[in-house]
C-alpha atoms as a PDB file:
ATOM      1  CA  MET A   1      -3.266 -24.603  -4.797  1.00  0.00           C
ATOM      2  CA  GLY A   2      -0.729 -26.959  -6.312  1.00  0.00           C
ATOM      3  CA  LEU A   3       1.758 -26.624  -3.340  1.00  0.00           C
ATOM      4  CA  ASP A   4       4.978 -28.839  -3.238  1.00  0.00           C
ATOM      5  CA  GLU A   5       5.330 -30.345   0.216  1.00  0.00           C
ATOM      6  CA  LYS A   6       8.506 -28.288   0.498  1.00  0.00           C
ATOM      7  CA  GLU A   7       6.710 -25.116  -0.136  1.00  0.00           C
ATOM      8  CA  LEU A   8       5.515 -22.871   2.741  1.00  0.00           C
ATOM      9  CA  LEU A   9       2.256 -20.851   2.202  1.00  0.00           C
ATOM     10  CA  PHE A  10       1.991 -17.246   3.523  1.00  0.00           C
ATOM     11  CA  ILE A  11      -1.406 -15.447   3.530  1.00  0.00           C
ATOM     12  CA  THR A  12      -1.885 -11.849   4.176  1.00  0.00           C
ATOM     13  CA  ILE A  13      -5.622 -10.677   4.694  1.00  0.00           C
ATOM     14  CA  THR A  14      -5.689  -6.928   4.287  1.00  0.00           C
ATOM     15  CA  ARG A  15      -7.469  -4.108   2.199  1.00  0.00           C
ATOM     16  CA  LEU A  16      -5.593  -4.025  -0.951  1.00  0.00           C
ATOM     17  CA  VAL A  17      -5.199  -0.103  -1.142  1.00  0.00           C
ATOM     18  CA  PRO A  18      -2.247   1.939  -2.092  1.00  0.00           C
ATOM     19  CA  GLU A  19      -1.733   3.119   1.611  1.00  0.00           C
ATOM     20  CA  LYS A  20      -0.708  -0.317   2.572  1.00  0.00           C
ATOM     21  CA  LEU A  21       2.208  -0.319   0.212  1.00  0.00           C
ATOM     22  CA  ILE A  22       1.724  -4.116  -0.800  1.00  0.00           C
ATOM     23  CA  GLU A  23       4.477  -3.526  -3.468  1.00  0.00           C
ATOM     24  CA  LYS A  24       6.973  -3.269  -0.690  1.00  0.00           C
ATOM     25  CA  GLN A  25       5.837  -6.608   0.854  1.00  0.00           C
ATOM     26  CA  ILE A  26       5.962  -8.231  -2.555  1.00  0.00           C
ATOM     27  CA  ASP A  27       9.668  -6.964  -3.043  1.00  0.00           C
ATOM     28  CA  GLN A  28      10.686  -8.501   0.211  1.00  0.00           C
ATOM     29  CA  PHE A  29       9.209 -11.758  -0.820  1.00  0.00           C
ATOM     30  CA  ARG A  30      10.880 -11.645  -3.992  1.00  0.00           C
ATOM     31  CA  THR A  31      14.331 -10.941  -2.446  1.00  0.00           C
ATOM     32  CA  ILE A  32      13.660 -14.033  -0.288  1.00  0.00           C
ATOM     33  CA  HIS A  33      12.481 -16.223  -3.179  1.00  0.00           C
ATOM     34  CA  ASN A  34      15.608 -15.135  -5.064  1.00  0.00           C
ATOM     35  CA  GLU A  35      17.730 -16.513  -2.526  1.00  0.00           C
ATOM     36  CA  GLY A  36      16.376 -19.809  -3.065  1.00  0.00           C
ATOM     37  CA  PHE A  37      13.556 -20.254  -0.577  1.00  0.00           C
ATOM     38  CA  ARG A  38      10.429 -21.806  -2.115  1.00  0.00           C
ATOM     39  CA  PHE A  39       7.082 -20.854  -0.838  1.00  0.00           C
ATOM     40  CA  ARG A  40       3.870 -19.253  -2.219  1.00  0.00           C
ATOM     41  CA  VAL A  41       2.059 -15.961  -0.997  1.00  0.00           C
ATOM     42  CA  LEU A  42      -1.610 -15.121  -1.136  1.00  0.00           C
ATOM     43  CA  PHE A  43      -2.665 -11.389  -0.707  1.00  0.00           C
ATOM     44  CA  ILE A  44      -6.483 -11.538  -0.139  1.00  0.00           C
ATOM     45  CA  GLY A  45      -8.518  -8.615   0.478  1.00  0.00           C
ATOM     46  CA  GLY A  46     -11.010  -5.833  -0.370  1.00  0.00           C
ATOM     47  CA  LEU A  47     -10.306  -3.992  -3.493  1.00  0.00           C
ATOM     48  CA  ASN A  48      -9.661  -0.752  -5.049  1.00  0.00           C
ATOM     49  CA  ASP A  49     -10.082  -1.822  -8.637  1.00  0.00           C
ATOM     50  CA  ASP A  50      -7.276   0.256  -9.912  1.00  0.00           C
ATOM     51  CA  TYR A  51      -4.799  -0.869  -7.423  1.00  0.00           C
ATOM     52  CA  TYR A  52      -5.758  -4.469  -7.787  1.00  0.00           C
ATOM     53  CA  GLN A  53      -5.018  -4.035 -11.619  1.00  0.00           C
ATOM     54  CA  ARG A  54      -1.653  -2.583 -10.692  1.00  0.00           C
ATOM     55  CA  LEU A  55      -0.804  -5.491  -8.337  1.00  0.00           C
ATOM     56  CA  GLN A  56      -1.780  -7.821 -10.750  1.00  0.00           C
ATOM     57  CA  LYS A  57       0.428  -6.397 -13.290  1.00  0.00           C
ATOM     58  CA  TYR A  58       3.263  -6.173 -10.800  1.00  0.00           C
ATOM     59  CA  THR A  59       3.003  -9.785  -9.849  1.00  0.00           C
ATOM     60  CA  GLN A  60       2.327 -11.312 -13.462  1.00  0.00           C
ATOM     61  CA  ASN A  61       5.791 -12.808 -13.686  1.00  0.00           C
ATOM     62  CA  ASP A  62       5.679 -14.128 -10.099  1.00  0.00           C
ATOM     63  CA  HIS A  63       4.102 -17.505 -10.378  1.00  0.00           C
ATOM     64  CA  TYR A  64       4.373 -17.850  -6.464  1.00  0.00           C
ATOM     65  CA  ILE A  65       2.551 -14.636  -5.615  1.00  0.00           C
ATOM     66  CA  MET A  66      -1.178 -14.500  -6.000  1.00  0.00           C
ATOM     67  CA  VAL A  67      -3.331 -11.481  -5.410  1.00  0.00           C
ATOM     68  CA  LEU A  68      -7.056 -12.465  -4.749  1.00  0.00           C
ATOM     69  CA  PRO A  69     -10.265 -10.483  -4.138  1.00  0.00           C
ATOM     70  CA  SER A  70     -12.154 -10.665  -0.675  1.00  0.00           C
ATOM     71  CA  LYS A  71     -13.333 -14.193   0.105  1.00  0.00           C
ATOM     72  CA  ASN A  72     -16.238 -15.281   2.457  1.00  0.00           C
ATOM     73  CA  SER A  73     -15.440 -16.664   5.899  1.00  0.00           C
ATOM     74  CA  ASP A  74     -15.587 -20.236   4.638  1.00  0.00           C
ATOM     75  CA  GLU A  75     -13.154 -19.773   2.007  1.00  0.00           C
ATOM     76  CA  ILE A  76     -10.686 -17.853   4.295  1.00  0.00           C
ATOM     77  CA  ARG A  77     -10.888 -20.615   6.770  1.00  0.00           C
ATOM     78  CA  ARG A  78      -9.881 -22.988   3.911  1.00  0.00           C
ATOM     79  CA  TYR A  79      -6.913 -20.762   3.064  1.00  0.00           C
ATOM     80  CA  PHE A  80      -5.942 -20.471   6.624  1.00  0.00           C
ATOM     81  CA  SER A  81      -6.155 -24.242   7.181  1.00  0.00           C
ATOM     82  CA  ALA A  82      -3.646 -24.650   4.303  1.00  0.00           C
ATOM     83  CA  ALA A  83      -1.312 -21.793   5.491  1.00  0.00           C
ATOM     84  CA  ASP A  84       1.836 -22.218   7.424  1.00  0.00           C
ATOM     85  CA  PHE A  85       1.849 -18.351   8.260  1.00  0.00           C
ATOM     86  CA  GLY A  86      -0.888 -15.873   8.209  1.00  0.00           C
ATOM     87  CA  PHE A  87      -0.572 -12.091   8.555  1.00  0.00           C
ATOM     88  CA  TRP A  88      -3.123  -9.276   9.103  1.00  0.00           C
ATOM     89  CA  HIS A  89      -2.194  -5.828   7.745  1.00  0.00           C
END
């Protein structure tokens, strides 16, 4: 993932659907990032294709935020092993 040793990694596993208001979470991470904190955020989950495309566009300039499709359990374990914080939504 190319993490700097001083960066934290946040992971959220959720269904990526409009009702979850993922943009609000992204906005909160942007605010924290703009205050000088360095981290990466992964949003991983089942997809609503239109919403996934919307989130991809919404985060296209945020190199520290990634939106990924669902992963199998082995991949999820690997991501969580690398994470400093994990959230279920």
